[in-house]
């Protein structure tokens, strides 16, 4: 079940979905929705880890098991680009 709001998370729960059966993917949402998704044990999809990781850390926490954290292509690209720049600086 793919959810992108608190309402959809509550509907998923009411329909009997739980834990890893739920993927929470949202762009512009109230931050407490991260906490709700984590409390439900849902997968959390971060569109851009560089922008959302602090928000997630403060609102539900970083997933203990990374299989519950999904790294988007943009986020991965940003991390690789930053790592490559750091490597050039260290040369």
PDB file of N, CA and C in Angstrom:
ATOM      1  N   UNK A   1       0.860  -1.159   0.000  1.00  0.00           N
ATOM      2  CA  UNK A   1       0.000   0.000   0.000  1.00  0.00           C
ATOM      3  C   UNK A   1       0.905   1.219   0.000  1.00  0.00           C
ATOM      4  N   UNK A   2       0.757   2.078  -0.996  1.00  0.00           N
ATOM      5  CA  UNK A   2       1.538   3.307  -1.084  1.00  0.00           C
ATOM      6  C   UNK A   2       0.735   4.447  -0.481  1.00  0.00           C
ATOM      7  N   UNK A   3       1.302   5.112   0.504  1.00  0.00           N
ATOM      8  CA  UNK A   3       0.622   6.206   1.190  1.00  0.00           C
ATOM      9  C   UNK A   3       1.455   7.475   1.090  1.00  0.00           C
ATOM     10  N   UNK A   4       0.763   8.606   0.964  1.00  0.00           N
ATOM     11  CA  UNK A   4       1.483   9.875   0.879  1.00  0.00           C
ATOM     12  C   UNK A   4       0.911  10.931   1.825  1.00  0.00           C
ATOM     13  N   UNK A   5       0.120  10.510   2.792  1.00  0.00           N
ATOM     14  CA  UNK A   5      -0.434  11.464   3.760  1.00  0.00           C
ATOM     15  C   UNK A   5      -0.866  10.715   5.018  1.00  0.00           C
ATOM     16  N   UNK A   6      -1.125  11.488   6.059  1.00  0.00           N
ATOM     17  CA  UNK A   6      -1.620  10.904   7.307  1.00  0.00           C
ATOM     18  C   UNK A   6      -2.950  10.189   7.073  1.00  0.00           C
ATOM     19  N   UNK A   7      -3.817  10.806   6.288  1.00  0.00           N
ATOM     20  CA  UNK A   7      -5.115  10.194   5.994  1.00  0.00           C
ATOM     21  C   UNK A   7      -4.948   8.840   5.320  1.00  0.00           C
ATOM     22  N   UNK A   8      -4.052   8.762   4.348  1.00  0.00           N
ATOM     23  CA  UNK A   8      -3.837   7.492   3.658  1.00  0.00           C
ATOM     24  C   UNK A   8      -3.202   6.453   4.580  1.00  0.00           C
ATOM     25  N   UNK A   9      -2.322   6.886   5.486  1.00  0.00           N
ATOM     26  CA  UNK A   9      -1.764   5.948   6.472  1.00  0.00           C
ATOM     27  C   UNK A   9      -2.867   5.389   7.361  1.00  0.00           C
ATOM     28  N   UNK A  10      -3.779   6.256   7.808  1.00  0.00           N
ATOM     29  CA  UNK A  10      -4.882   5.813   8.668  1.00  0.00           C
ATOM     30  C   UNK A  10      -5.829   4.883   7.911  1.00  0.00           C
ATOM     31  N   UNK A  11      -6.082   5.179   6.633  1.00  0.00           N
ATOM     32  CA  UNK A  11      -6.917   4.295   5.818  1.00  0.00           C
ATOM     33  C   UNK A  11      -6.257   2.927   5.627  1.00  0.00           C
ATOM     34  N   UNK A  12      -4.952   2.934   5.400  1.00  0.00           N
ATOM     35  CA  UNK A  12      -4.232   1.666   5.243  1.00  0.00           C
ATOM     36  C   UNK A  12      -4.355   0.823   6.511  1.00  0.00           C
ATOM     37  N   UNK A  13      -4.194   1.488   7.655  1.00  0.00           N
ATOM     38  CA  UNK A  13      -4.327   0.784   8.940  1.00  0.00           C
ATOM     39  C   UNK A  13      -5.744   0.247   9.116  1.00  0.00           C
ATOM     40  N   UNK A  14      -6.749   1.062   8.789  1.00  0.00           N
ATOM     41  CA  UNK A  14      -8.148   0.642   8.927  1.00  0.00           C
ATOM     42  C   UNK A  14      -8.474  -0.535   8.009  1.00  0.00           C
ATOM     43  N   UNK A  15      -7.773  -0.637   6.896  1.00  0.00           N
ATOM     44  CA  UNK A  15      -7.998  -1.743   5.945  1.00  0.00           C
ATOM     45  C   UNK A  15      -7.187  -2.985   6.303  1.00  0.00           C
ATOM     46  N   UNK A  16      -6.410  -2.901   7.379  1.00  0.00           N
ATOM     47  CA  UNK A  16      -5.677  -4.063   7.843  1.00  0.00           C
ATOM     48  C   UNK A  16      -4.237  -4.160   7.376  1.00  0.00           C
ATOM     49  N   UNK A  17      -3.741  -3.142   6.686  1.00  0.00           N
ATOM     50  CA  UNK A  17      -2.342  -3.152   6.276  1.00  0.00           C
ATOM     51  C   UNK A  17      -1.477  -2.727   7.445  1.00  0.00           C
ATOM     52  N   UNK A  18      -0.272  -3.264   7.505  1.00  0.00           N
ATOM     53  CA  UNK A  18       0.627  -2.886   8.589  1.00  0.00           C
ATOM     54  C   UNK A  18       2.081  -3.095   8.170  1.00  0.00           C
ATOM     55  N   UNK A  19       2.948  -2.502   8.955  1.00  0.00           N
ATOM     56  CA  UNK A  19       4.377  -2.704   8.787  1.00  0.00           C
ATOM     57  C   UNK A  19       4.882  -2.559   7.361  1.00  0.00           C
ATOM     58  N   UNK A  20       5.611  -3.570   6.936  1.00  0.00           N
ATOM     59  CA  UNK A  20       6.271  -3.530   5.636  1.00  0.00           C
ATOM     60  C   UNK A  20       5.314  -3.635   4.455  1.00  0.00           C
ATOM     61  N   UNK A  21       4.040  -3.745   4.732  1.00  0.00           N
ATOM     62  CA  UNK A  21       3.054  -3.715   3.650  1.00  0.00           C
ATOM     63  C   UNK A  21       2.765  -2.283   3.204  1.00  0.00           C
ATOM     64  N   UNK A  22       3.312  -1.312   3.947  1.00  0.00           N
ATOM     65  CA  UNK A  22       3.034   0.096   3.674  1.00  0.00           C
ATOM     66  C   UNK A  22       4.315   0.819   3.271  1.00  0.00           C
ATOM     67  N   UNK A  23       4.227   1.617   2.213  1.00  0.00           N
ATOM     68  CA  UNK A  23       5.319   2.507   1.791  1.00  0.00           C
ATOM     69  C   UNK A  23       4.811   3.929   1.953  1.00  0.00           C
ATOM     70  N   UNK A  24       5.523   4.730   2.747  1.00  0.00           N
ATOM     71  CA  UNK A  24       5.155   6.135   2.925  1.00  0.00           C
ATOM     72  C   UNK A  24       6.075   6.988   2.072  1.00  0.00           C
ATOM     73  N   UNK A  25       5.509   7.599   1.058  1.00  0.00           N
ATOM     74  CA  UNK A  25       6.253   8.459   0.135  1.00  0.00           C
ATOM     75  C   UNK A  25       5.557   9.805   0.072  1.00  0.00           C
ATOM     76  N   UNK A  26       6.226  10.829   0.521  1.00  0.00           N
ATOM     77  CA  UNK A  26       5.595  12.140   0.502  1.00  0.00           C
ATOM     78  C   UNK A  26       6.643  13.219   0.273  1.00  0.00           C
ATOM     79  N   UNK A  27       6.245  14.281  -0.368  1.00  0.00           N
ATOM     80  CA  UNK A  27       7.148  15.399  -0.626  1.00  0.00           C
ATOM     81  C   UNK A  27       6.940  16.529   0.373  1.00  0.00           C
ATOM     82  N   UNK A  28       5.785  17.142   0.342  1.00  0.00           N
ATOM     83  CA  UNK A  28       5.485  18.276   1.210  1.00  0.00           C
ATOM     84  C   UNK A  28       4.400  17.854   2.188  1.00  0.00           C
ATOM     85  N   UNK A  29       4.821  17.474   3.385  1.00  0.00           N
ATOM     86  CA  UNK A  29       3.874  16.973   4.369  1.00  0.00           C
ATOM     87  C   UNK A  29       4.231  17.535   5.737  1.00  0.00           C
ATOM     88  N   UNK A  30       3.257  17.565   6.647  1.00  0.00           N
ATOM     89  CA  UNK A  30       3.600  17.904   8.034  1.00  0.00           C
ATOM     90  C   UNK A  30       4.580  16.846   8.560  1.00  0.00           C
ATOM     91  N   UNK A  31       5.606  17.300   9.250  1.00  0.00           N
ATOM     92  CA  UNK A  31       6.680  16.388   9.652  1.00  0.00           C
ATOM     93  C   UNK A  31       6.232  15.276  10.587  1.00  0.00           C
ATOM     94  N   UNK A  32       5.153  15.509  11.355  1.00  0.00           N
ATOM     95  CA  UNK A  32       4.696  14.462  12.269  1.00  0.00           C
ATOM     96  C   UNK A  32       4.241  13.208  11.510  1.00  0.00           C
ATOM     97  N   UNK A  33       3.988  13.341  10.219  1.00  0.00           N
ATOM     98  CA  UNK A  33       3.571  12.165   9.440  1.00  0.00           C
ATOM     99  C   UNK A  33       4.702  11.146   9.318  1.00  0.00           C
ATOM    100  N   UNK A  34       5.958  11.615   9.345  1.00  0.00           N
ATOM    101  CA  UNK A  34       7.081  10.679   9.387  1.00  0.00           C
ATOM    102  C   UNK A  34       6.991   9.815  10.642  1.00  0.00           C
ATOM    103  N   UNK A  35       6.677  10.462  11.775  1.00  0.00           N
ATOM    104  CA  UNK A  35       6.564   9.719  13.037  1.00  0.00           C
ATOM    105  C   UNK A  35       5.469   8.666  12.957  1.00  0.00           C
ATOM    106  N   UNK A  36       4.338   9.040  12.402  1.00  0.00           N
ATOM    107  CA  UNK A  36       3.229   8.098  12.272  1.00  0.00           C
ATOM    108  C   UNK A  36       3.636   6.909  11.403  1.00  0.00           C
ATOM    109  N   UNK A  37       4.270   7.198  10.280  1.00  0.00           N
ATOM    110  CA  UNK A  37       4.706   6.114   9.389  1.00  0.00           C
ATOM    111  C   UNK A  37       5.696   5.194  10.096  1.00  0.00           C
ATOM    112  N   UNK A  38       6.644   5.764  10.815  1.00  0.00           N
ATOM    113  CA  UNK A  38       7.631   4.948  11.544  1.00  0.00           C
ATOM    114  C   UNK A  38       6.956   4.153  12.653  1.00  0.00           C
ATOM    115  N   UNK A  39       6.013   4.768  13.371  1.00  0.00           N
ATOM    116  CA  UNK A  39       5.297   4.055  14.435  1.00  0.00           C
ATOM    117  C   UNK A  39       4.540   2.854  13.876  1.00  0.00           C
ATOM    118  N   UNK A  40       4.079   2.986  12.634  1.00  0.00           N
ATOM    119  CA  UNK A  40       3.341   1.894  11.988  1.00  0.00           C
ATOM    120  C   UNK A  40       4.288   0.845  11.402  1.00  0.00           C
ATOM    121  N   UNK A  41       5.596   1.111  11.410  1.00  0.00           N
ATOM    122  CA  UNK A  41       6.561   0.170  10.858  1.00  0.00           C
ATOM    123  C   UNK A  41       6.624   0.203   9.339  1.00  0.00           C
ATOM    124  N   UNK A  42       6.135   1.290   8.753  1.00  0.00           N
ATOM    125  CA  UNK A  42       6.098   1.398   7.299  1.00  0.00           C
ATOM    126  C   UNK A  42       7.480   1.671   6.728  1.00  0.00           C
ATOM    127  N   UNK A  43       7.670   1.282   5.477  1.00  0.00           N
ATOM    128  CA  UNK A  43       8.842   1.726   4.743  1.00  0.00           C
ATOM    129  C   UNK A  43       8.700   3.233   4.576  1.00  0.00           C
ATOM    130  N   UNK A  44       9.804   3.961   4.660  1.00  0.00           N
ATOM    131  CA  UNK A  44       9.781   5.407   4.463  1.00  0.00           C
ATOM    132  C   UNK A  44      10.637   5.728   3.250  1.00  0.00           C
ATOM    133  N   UNK A  45      10.029   6.356   2.262  1.00  0.00           N
ATOM    134  CA  UNK A  45      10.717   6.733   1.036  1.00  0.00           C
ATOM    135  C   UNK A  45      11.088   8.204   1.114  1.00  0.00           C
ATOM    136  N   UNK A  46      12.397   8.480   1.136  1.00  0.00           N
ATOM    137  CA  UNK A  46      12.865   9.860   1.148  1.00  0.00           C
ATOM    138  C   UNK A  46      13.200  10.276  -0.274  1.00  0.00           C
ATOM    139  N   UNK A  47      12.506  11.270  -0.780  1.00  0.00           N
ATOM    140  CA  UNK A  47      12.778  11.736  -2.134  1.00  0.00           C
ATOM    141  C   UNK A  47      14.171  12.314  -2.257  1.00  0.00           C
ATOM    142  N   UNK A  48      14.627  13.004  -1.243  1.00  0.00           N
ATOM    143  CA  UNK A  48      15.972  13.579  -1.252  1.00  0.00           C
ATOM    144  C   UNK A  48      16.529  13.466   0.154  1.00  0.00           C
ATOM    145  N   UNK A  49      17.398  12.479   0.354  1.00  0.00           N
ATOM    146  CA  UNK A  49      17.922  12.205   1.688  1.00  0.00           C
ATOM    147  C   UNK A  49      18.650  13.423   2.246  1.00  0.00           C
ATOM    148  N   UNK A  50      19.268  14.229   1.391  1.00  0.00           N
ATOM    149  CA  UNK A  50      20.007  15.386   1.886  1.00  0.00           C
ATOM    150  C   UNK A  50      19.086  16.441   2.471  1.00  0.00           C
ATOM    151  N   UNK A  51      17.827  16.487   2.050  1.00  0.00           N
ATOM    152  CA  UNK A  51      16.880  17.456   2.586  1.00  0.00           C
ATOM    153  C   UNK A  51      16.016  16.884   3.692  1.00  0.00           C
ATOM    154  N   UNK A  52      15.746  15.605   3.673  1.00  0.00           N
ATOM    155  CA  UNK A  52      14.779  15.024   4.600  1.00  0.00           C
ATOM    156  C   UNK A  52      15.384  14.247   5.762  1.00  0.00           C
ATOM    157  N   UNK A  53      16.668  13.915   5.724  1.00  0.00           N
ATOM    158  CA  UNK A  53      17.237  13.057   6.761  1.00  0.00           C
ATOM    159  C   UNK A  53      17.143  13.707   8.145  1.00  0.00           C
ATOM    160  N   UNK A  54      17.415  15.014   8.247  1.00  0.00           N
ATOM    161  CA  UNK A  54      17.305  15.695   9.549  1.00  0.00           C
ATOM    162  C   UNK A  54      15.872  15.709  10.043  1.00  0.00           C
ATOM    163  N   UNK A  55      14.945  15.934   9.125  1.00  0.00           N
ATOM    164  CA  UNK A  55      13.525  15.957   9.478  1.00  0.00           C
ATOM    165  C   UNK A  55      13.094  14.582   9.978  1.00  0.00           C
ATOM    166  N   UNK A  56      13.517  13.540   9.271  1.00  0.00           N
ATOM    167  CA  UNK A  56      13.169  12.181   9.682  1.00  0.00           C
ATOM    168  C   UNK A  56      13.793  11.853  11.032  1.00  0.00           C
ATOM    169  N   UNK A  57      15.038  12.248  11.218  1.00  0.00           N
ATOM    170  CA  UNK A  57      15.722  11.969  12.478  1.00  0.00           C
ATOM    171  C   UNK A  57      14.984  12.591  13.663  1.00  0.00           C
ATOM    172  N   UNK A  58      14.422  13.778  13.461  1.00  0.00           N
ATOM    173  CA  UNK A  58      13.713  14.484  14.522  1.00  0.00           C
ATOM    174  C   UNK A  58      12.253  14.055  14.653  1.00  0.00           C
ATOM    175  N   UNK A  59      11.727  13.320  13.668  1.00  0.00           N
ATOM    176  CA  UNK A  59      10.302  12.973  13.640  1.00  0.00           C
ATOM    177  C   UNK A  59      10.112  11.496  13.332  1.00  0.00           C
ATOM    178  N   UNK A  60      10.481  10.664  14.269  1.00  0.00           N
ATOM    179  CA  UNK A  60      10.287   9.233  14.085  1.00  0.00           C
ATOM    180  C   UNK A  60      11.577   8.459  14.049  1.00  0.00           C
ATOM    181  N   UNK A  61      12.650   9.120  13.706  1.00  0.00           N
ATOM    182  CA  UNK A  61      13.955   8.477  13.738  1.00  0.00           C
ATOM    183  C   UNK A  61      14.375   7.832  12.427  1.00  0.00           C
ATOM    184  N   UNK A  62      15.667   7.626  12.333  1.00  0.00           N
ATOM    185  CA  UNK A  62      16.254   6.954  11.181  1.00  0.00           C
ATOM    186  C   UNK A  62      15.908   5.470  11.303  1.00  0.00           C
ATOM    187  N   UNK A  63      15.526   4.838  10.198  1.00  0.00           N
ATOM    188  CA  UNK A  63      15.210   3.406  10.267  1.00  0.00           C
ATOM    189  C   UNK A  63      16.380   2.601  10.828  1.00  0.00           C
ATOM    190  N   UNK A  64      16.100   1.714  11.767  1.00  0.00           N
ATOM    191  CA  UNK A  64      17.141   0.863  12.348  1.00  0.00           C
ATOM    192  C   UNK A  64      17.705  -0.089  11.316  1.00  0.00           C
ATOM    193  N   UNK A  65      16.873  -0.492  10.401  1.00  0.00           N
ATOM    194  CA  UNK A  65      17.264  -1.448   9.379  1.00  0.00           C
ATOM    195  C   UNK A  65      17.091  -0.747   8.032  1.00  0.00           C
ATOM    196  N   UNK A  66      18.169  -0.529   7.297  1.00  0.00           N
ATOM    197  CA  UNK A  66      18.092   0.277   6.079  1.00  0.00           C
ATOM    198  C   UNK A  66      17.143  -0.267   5.031  1.00  0.00           C
ATOM    199  N   UNK A  67      16.751  -1.523   5.125  1.00  0.00           N
ATOM    200  CA  UNK A  67      15.770  -1.985   4.150  1.00  0.00           C
ATOM    201  C   UNK A  67      14.473  -1.213   4.284  1.00  0.00           C
ATOM    202  N   UNK A  68      14.293  -0.529   5.407  1.00  0.00           N
ATOM    203  CA  UNK A  68      13.118   0.327   5.593  1.00  0.00           C
ATOM    204  C   UNK A  68      13.376   1.751   5.125  1.00  0.00           C
ATOM    205  N   UNK A  69      14.569   2.036   4.695  1.00  0.00           N
ATOM    206  CA  UNK A  69      14.887   3.352   4.158  1.00  0.00           C
ATOM    207  C   UNK A  69      15.148   3.208   2.672  1.00  0.00           C
ATOM    208  N   UNK A  70      14.539   4.032   1.891  1.00  0.00           N
ATOM    209  CA  UNK A  70      14.711   3.956   0.442  1.00  0.00           C
ATOM    210  C   UNK A  70      15.449   5.212   0.003  1.00  0.00           C
ATOM    211  N   UNK A  71      16.563   5.030  -0.694  1.00  0.00           N
ATOM    212  CA  UNK A  71      17.357   6.144  -1.168  1.00  0.00           C
ATOM    213  C   UNK A  71      17.010   6.414  -2.620  1.00  0.00           C
ATOM    214  N   UNK A  72      16.523   7.601  -2.900  1.00  0.00           N
ATOM    215  CA  UNK A  72      16.100   7.937  -4.255  1.00  0.00           C
ATOM    216  C   UNK A  72      17.301   8.148  -5.166  1.00  0.00           C
ATOM    217  N   UNK A  73      17.051   8.155  -6.462  1.00  0.00           N
ATOM    218  CA  UNK A  73      18.116   8.386  -7.432  1.00  0.00           C
ATOM    219  C   UNK A  73      18.742   9.764  -7.224  1.00  0.00           C
ATOM    220  N   UNK A  74      17.927  10.790  -6.966  1.00  0.00           N
ATOM    221  CA  UNK A  74      18.476  12.125  -6.741  1.00  0.00           C
ATOM    222  C   UNK A  74      19.345  12.158  -5.492  1.00  0.00           C
ATOM    223  N   UNK A  75      18.878  11.533  -4.443  1.00  0.00           N
ATOM    224  CA  UNK A  75      19.654  11.495  -3.212  1.00  0.00           C
ATOM    225  C   UNK A  75      20.958  10.747  -3.386  1.00  0.00           C
ATOM    226  N   UNK A  76      20.916   9.626  -4.091  1.00  0.00           N
ATOM    227  CA  UNK A  76      22.128   8.854  -4.346  1.00  0.00           C
ATOM    228  C   UNK A  76      23.099   9.658  -5.197  1.00  0.00           C
ATOM    229  N   UNK A  77      22.588  10.311  -6.227  1.00  0.00           N
ATOM    230  CA  UNK A  77      23.432  11.147  -7.082  1.00  0.00           C
ATOM    231  C   UNK A  77      24.122  12.231  -6.251  1.00  0.00           C
ATOM    232  N   UNK A  78      23.364  12.895  -5.377  1.00  0.00           N
ATOM    233  CA  UNK A  78      23.933  13.950  -4.541  1.00  0.00           C
ATOM    234  C   UNK A  78      25.027  13.406  -3.629  1.00  0.00           C
ATOM    235  N   UNK A  79      24.792  12.246  -3.024  1.00  0.00           N
ATOM    236  CA  UNK A  79      25.803  11.658  -2.145  1.00  0.00           C
ATOM    237  C   UNK A  79      27.066  11.292  -2.904  1.00  0.00           C
ATOM    238  N   UNK A  80      26.916  10.694  -4.070  1.00  0.00           N
ATOM    239  CA  UNK A  80      28.079  10.308  -4.878  1.00  0.00           C
ATOM    240  C   UNK A  80      28.839  11.552  -5.324  1.00  0.00           C
ATOM    241  N   UNK A  81      28.125  12.571  -5.761  1.00  0.00           N
ATOM    242  CA  UNK A  81      28.769  13.811  -6.204  1.00  0.00           C
ATOM    243  C   UNK A  81      29.551  14.451  -5.062  1.00  0.00           C
ATOM    244  N   UNK A  82      28.955  14.495  -3.870  1.00  0.00           N
ATOM    245  CA  UNK A  82      29.644  15.065  -2.714  1.00  0.00           C
ATOM    246  C   UNK A  82      30.858  14.222  -2.339  1.00  0.00           C
ATOM    247  N   UNK A  83      30.751  12.899  -2.404  1.00  0.00           N
ATOM    248  CA  UNK A  83      31.872  12.019  -2.086  1.00  0.00           C
ATOM    249  C   UNK A  83      33.010  12.220  -3.085  1.00  0.00           C
ATOM    250  N   UNK A  84      32.681  12.308  -4.370  1.00  0.00           N
ATOM    251  CA  UNK A  84      33.703  12.521  -5.401  1.00  0.00           C
ATOM    252  C   UNK A  84      34.426  13.859  -5.179  1.00  0.00           C
ATOM    253  N   UNK A  85      33.677  14.891  -4.832  1.00  0.00           N
ATOM    254  CA  UNK A  85      34.293  16.203  -4.568  1.00  0.00           C
ATOM    255  C   UNK A  85      35.236  16.114  -3.358  1.00  0.00           C
ATOM    256  N   UNK A  86      34.810  15.399  -2.339  1.00  0.00           N
ATOM    257  CA  UNK A  86      35.655  15.233  -1.144  1.00  0.00           C
ATOM    258  C   UNK A  86      36.930  14.458  -1.492  1.00  0.00           C
ATOM    259  N   UNK A  87      36.802  13.451  -2.361  1.00  0.00           N
ATOM    260  CA  UNK A  87      37.982  12.684  -2.760  1.00  0.00           C
ATOM    261  C   UNK A  87      38.971  13.569  -3.513  1.00  0.00           C
ATOM    262  N   UNK A  88      38.486  14.444  -4.379  1.00  0.00           N
ATOM    263  CA  UNK A  88      39.370  15.337  -5.126  1.00  0.00           C
ATOM    264  C   UNK A  88      40.061  16.303  -4.188  1.00  0.00           C
ATOM    265  N   UNK A  89      39.358  16.746  -3.144  1.00  0.00           N
ATOM    266  CA  UNK A  89      39.922  17.666  -2.171  1.00  0.00           C
ATOM    267  C   UNK A  89      41.052  17.006  -1.376  1.00  0.00           C
ATOM    268  N   UNK A  90      40.893  15.699  -1.123  1.00  0.00           N
ATOM    269  CA  UNK A  90      41.882  14.963  -0.327  1.00  0.00           C
ATOM    270  C   UNK A  90      43.102  14.534  -1.123  1.00  0.00           C
ATOM    271  N   UNK A  91      43.108  14.732  -2.420  1.00  0.00           N
ATOM    272  CA  UNK A  91      44.250  14.302  -3.247  1.00  0.00           C
ATOM    273  C   UNK A  91      45.398  15.248  -3.129  1.00  0.00           C
TER     274      UNK A  91
END
